[in-house]
Amino acid sequence: MTDGKELEYCNLAVWFDRKTLHAMMHALVDTGAIVTWKETQEQFSFLVCNQENRSEWRLDRVNGFYKWQQPDCSLQDTRMALVLYRFIQRAKGHVIVKMIHDSGVLVKHIRYGEAVKIVEIKGAEKKVIYEKACSVTMDQVIAALKRRDAEERIPVLRLELDYELATLYDALQAKDTVQVRRSTERLKQLRKEMLLLEA
């Protein structure tokens, strides 16, 4: 990632909790950028400035989380680009990263915070360097697409996961094997639902 002269982020979609969003802003300040922000009931917007460029990013507030969707974003500052990349991975977000070199372009498709496909483009040549095998069935994709409430369900689902993890912890402390079994099964169901909704 550090060899690129310019990085472009396309189809960015990521959900941040407040703690992760603030950690990202602090990391951007550590690169030498000046960060200012404004928060309303509906939006969180922040301005990131350094010597090379000025970027304004807007996130929607949904059920206590911050949803960042942006069709494209270009950064010349490699340090800022790496911070953004790291936090997209940390929040298990989705993005296509284009790293522009003198010799060509490297394109990384990131899903759930990890690379699923890496393509190198040099002139008319296109070479797939890495491609992750698909583990989701077509029926699961269709079921996920039929759900219209996915955007509202995901933050609630995260809270349910946190609650169930706390319940499991208490059950383990109390050595309540029945509740441990129940919580484990419930966590498996919630995890599967999360994977389908974010597909």
Protein backbone atom coordinates (compact mmCIF):
# COMPACT_ATOMS: atom_id res chain seq x y z
CA MET A 1 0.00 0.00 0.00
CA THR A 2 2.80 2.47 0.70
CA ASP A 3 4.30 2.41 -2.83
CA GLY A 4 1.31 4.10 -4.47
CA LYS A 5 1.36 7.72 -5.55
CA GLU A 6 -2.39 8.15 -5.14
CA LEU A 7 -5.14 6.09 -3.58
CA GLU A 8 -8.76 6.15 -4.65
CA TYR A 9 -11.54 4.67 -2.55
CA CYS A 10 -14.72 3.66 -4.43
CA ASN A 11 -18.08 2.32 -3.19
CA LEU A 12 -17.13 2.90 0.44
CA ALA A 13 -19.66 1.45 2.90
CA VAL A 14 -18.79 1.12 6.57
CA TRP A 15 -20.55 1.32 9.96
CA PHE A 16 -18.62 2.85 12.86
CA ASP A 17 -19.45 2.92 16.53
CA ARG A 18 -18.58 6.17 18.31
CA LYS A 19 -15.38 4.80 19.87
CA THR A 20 -13.96 3.58 16.55
CA LEU A 21 -14.88 6.82 14.77
CA HIS A 22 -13.09 8.89 17.42
CA ALA A 23 -10.06 6.57 17.29
CA MET A 24 -9.88 7.10 13.51
CA MET A 25 -10.02 10.88 13.93
CA HIS A 26 -7.18 10.75 16.49
CA ALA A 27 -5.14 8.58 14.11
CA LEU A 28 -5.68 11.14 11.32
CA VAL A 29 -4.47 13.93 13.66
CA ASP A 30 -1.37 11.81 14.41
CA THR A 31 -0.50 11.92 10.67
CA GLY A 32 -0.27 15.72 10.93
CA ALA A 33 -3.72 16.43 9.50
CA ILE A 34 -6.04 19.08 10.93
CA VAL A 35 -9.43 17.55 11.74
CA THR A 36 -12.58 19.54 12.51
CA TRP A 37 -16.05 18.10 12.92
CA LYS A 38 -19.69 18.96 13.40
CA GLU A 39 -22.40 16.66 14.73
CA THR A 40 -26.17 16.90 14.45
CA GLN A 41 -28.98 14.44 15.24
CA GLU A 42 -28.85 13.12 11.65
CA GLN A 43 -25.22 13.54 10.57
CA PHE A 44 -21.60 13.58 11.63
CA SER A 45 -19.43 15.56 9.22
CA PHE A 46 -15.72 16.16 9.47
CA LEU A 47 -13.12 18.03 7.50
CA VAL A 48 -9.59 16.65 7.14
CA CYS A 49 -6.90 19.05 5.89
CA ASN A 50 -3.19 18.69 5.26
CA GLN A 51 -0.64 20.24 2.88
CA GLU A 52 -1.68 18.09 -0.11
CA ASN A 53 -5.47 18.05 0.04
CA ARG A 54 -8.69 18.81 1.86
CA SER A 55 -11.39 16.17 2.30
CA GLU A 56 -14.89 16.56 3.71
CA TRP A 57 -16.62 13.37 4.82
CA ARG A 58 -20.24 12.96 5.97
CA LEU A 59 -21.63 10.06 7.97
CA ASP A 60 -25.32 9.41 8.69
CA ARG A 61 -26.34 8.67 12.27
CA VAL A 62 -28.54 5.55 12.43
CA ASN A 63 -29.59 3.94 15.73
CA GLY A 64 -26.49 5.12 17.61
CA PHE A 65 -24.07 4.10 14.84
CA TYR A 66 -22.39 6.10 12.07
CA LYS A 67 -22.99 4.94 8.51
CA TRP A 68 -20.43 6.14 5.98
CA GLN A 69 -21.31 5.65 2.33
CA GLN A 70 -19.31 7.46 -0.30
CA PRO A 71 -19.09 6.69 -4.03
CA ASP A 72 -15.49 7.92 -4.33
CA CYS A 73 -12.68 9.52 -2.36
CA SER A 74 -9.16 10.32 -3.58
CA LEU A 75 -6.16 10.84 -1.28
CA GLN A 76 -2.61 11.86 -2.22
CA ASP A 77 -1.34 11.60 1.38
CA THR A 78 -0.31 7.96 1.86
CA ARG A 79 -0.36 8.24 5.67
CA MET A 80 -3.99 9.43 5.67
CA ALA A 81 -4.93 6.75 3.13
CA LEU A 82 -3.39 4.03 5.31
CA VAL A 83 -5.29 5.27 8.38
CA LEU A 84 -8.54 5.13 6.42
CA TYR A 85 -7.68 1.65 5.10
CA ARG A 86 -6.85 0.37 8.60
CA PHE A 87 -10.13 1.61 10.10
CA ILE A 88 -12.23 0.23 7.23
CA GLN A 89 -10.65 -3.15 8.03
CA ARG A 90 -11.21 -2.67 11.77
CA ALA A 91 -14.91 -1.83 11.28
CA LYS A 92 -15.28 -4.69 8.77
CA GLY A 93 -16.38 -2.32 6.02
CA HIS A 94 -16.59 -2.65 2.24
CA VAL A 95 -14.57 -0.67 -0.29
CA ILE A 96 -12.68 -0.86 -3.58
CA VAL A 97 -9.19 0.61 -3.23
CA LYS A 98 -7.31 1.72 -6.35
CA MET A 99 -3.60 2.33 -5.87
CA ILE A 100 -2.22 4.29 -8.80
CA HIS A 101 1.48 3.70 -9.68
CA ASP A 102 3.72 4.91 -12.49
CA SER A 103 3.59 1.38 -13.91
CA GLY A 104 -0.16 0.76 -13.51
CA VAL A 105 -3.02 0.32 -11.06
CA LEU A 106 -3.54 -2.17 -8.23
CA VAL A 107 -7.22 -2.71 -7.35
CA LYS A 108 -8.25 -4.29 -4.03
CA HIS A 109 -11.84 -5.36 -3.38
CA ILE A 110 -12.42 -5.31 0.40
CA ARG A 111 -15.49 -7.04 1.89
CA TYR A 112 -16.07 -7.32 5.65
CA GLY A 113 -12.66 -5.76 6.23
CA GLU A 114 -10.64 -8.28 4.23
CA ALA A 115 -9.44 -8.52 0.64
CA VAL A 116 -11.58 -10.80 -1.52
CA LYS A 117 -9.96 -9.92 -4.84
CA ILE A 118 -6.76 -8.15 -5.91
CA VAL A 119 -6.26 -7.19 -9.57
CA GLU A 120 -3.22 -5.61 -11.21
CA ILE A 121 -3.78 -3.50 -14.34
CA LYS A 122 -0.87 -2.52 -16.61
CA GLY A 123 -1.98 -0.88 -19.85
CA ALA A 124 -4.38 -3.32 -21.56
CA GLU A 125 -3.23 -6.21 -19.34
CA LYS A 126 -5.37 -7.28 -16.39
CA LYS A 127 -4.06 -9.90 -13.97
CA VAL A 128 -5.91 -11.38 -10.96
CA ILE A 129 -3.33 -11.71 -8.18
CA TYR A 130 -5.68 -13.04 -5.49
CA GLU A 131 -9.31 -14.15 -5.30
CA LYS A 132 -11.06 -15.52 -2.23
CA ALA A 133 -13.42 -18.45 -2.75
CA CYS A 134 -17.12 -17.67 -2.20
CA SER A 135 -18.74 -19.40 0.79
CA VAL A 136 -22.27 -17.94 0.49
CA THR A 137 -24.93 -19.84 -1.44
CA MET A 138 -27.21 -18.21 -4.01
CA ASP A 139 -30.27 -18.95 -1.81
CA GLN A 140 -28.66 -17.03 1.07
CA VAL A 141 -27.94 -14.05 -1.20
CA ILE A 142 -31.53 -14.00 -2.50
CA ALA A 143 -32.91 -14.17 1.07
CA ALA A 144 -30.67 -11.27 2.10
CA LEU A 145 -31.72 -9.19 -0.92
CA LYS A 146 -35.41 -9.71 -0.08
CA ARG A 147 -34.88 -8.07 3.30
CA ARG A 148 -35.60 -4.36 2.92
CA ASP A 149 -34.90 -3.51 6.54
CA ALA A 150 -31.21 -4.49 6.49
CA GLU A 151 -29.91 -0.98 7.21
CA GLU A 152 -32.05 -0.68 10.34
CA ARG A 153 -31.50 -4.28 11.43
CA ILE A 154 -27.66 -4.28 11.41
CA PRO A 155 -27.13 -1.83 14.33
CA VAL A 156 -29.84 -3.60 16.37
CA LEU A 157 -28.23 -6.94 15.56
CA ARG A 158 -24.88 -5.66 16.85
CA LEU A 159 -26.53 -4.70 20.15
CA GLU A 160 -28.15 -8.15 20.35
CA LEU A 161 -24.74 -9.76 19.79
CA ASP A 162 -23.22 -7.64 22.58
CA TYR A 163 -26.09 -8.53 24.93
CA GLU A 164 -25.83 -12.25 24.15
CA LEU A 165 -22.05 -12.18 24.68
CA ALA A 166 -22.59 -10.56 28.10
CA THR A 167 -25.21 -13.23 28.93
CA LEU A 168 -22.77 -15.97 27.87
CA TYR A 169 -20.04 -14.44 30.05
CA ASP A 170 -22.36 -14.38 33.09
CA ALA A 171 -23.42 -17.98 32.43
CA LEU A 172 -19.78 -19.09 32.20
CA GLN A 173 -19.01 -17.32 35.49
CA ALA A 174 -22.03 -18.97 37.15
CA LYS A 175 -21.24 -22.36 35.49
CA ASP A 176 -24.79 -22.47 34.13
CA THR A 177 -24.33 -25.06 31.35
CA VAL A 178 -27.94 -24.77 30.10
CA GLN A 179 -27.63 -21.00 29.55
CA VAL A 180 -24.15 -21.43 28.03
CA ARG A 181 -25.67 -23.81 25.45
CA ARG A 182 -28.60 -21.45 24.76
CA SER A 183 -26.35 -18.39 24.37
CA THR A 184 -23.92 -20.27 22.13
CA GLU A 185 -26.74 -21.34 19.80
CA ARG A 186 -28.22 -17.83 19.78
CA LEU A 187 -24.81 -16.32 18.94
CA LYS A 188 -24.45 -18.73 16.00
CA GLN A 189 -27.86 -17.63 14.66
CA LEU A 190 -27.06 -13.92 15.11
CA ARG A 191 -23.67 -14.31 13.40
CA LYS A 192 -25.26 -16.06 10.43
CA GLU A 193 -27.90 -13.33 10.13
CA MET A 194 -25.20 -10.62 10.28
CA LEU A 195 -23.21 -12.29 7.48
CA LEU A 196 -26.33 -12.51 5.29
CA LEU A 197 -27.37 -8.89 5.92
CA GLU A 198 -23.92 -7.52 5.16
CA ALA A 199 -23.49 -9.65 2.01
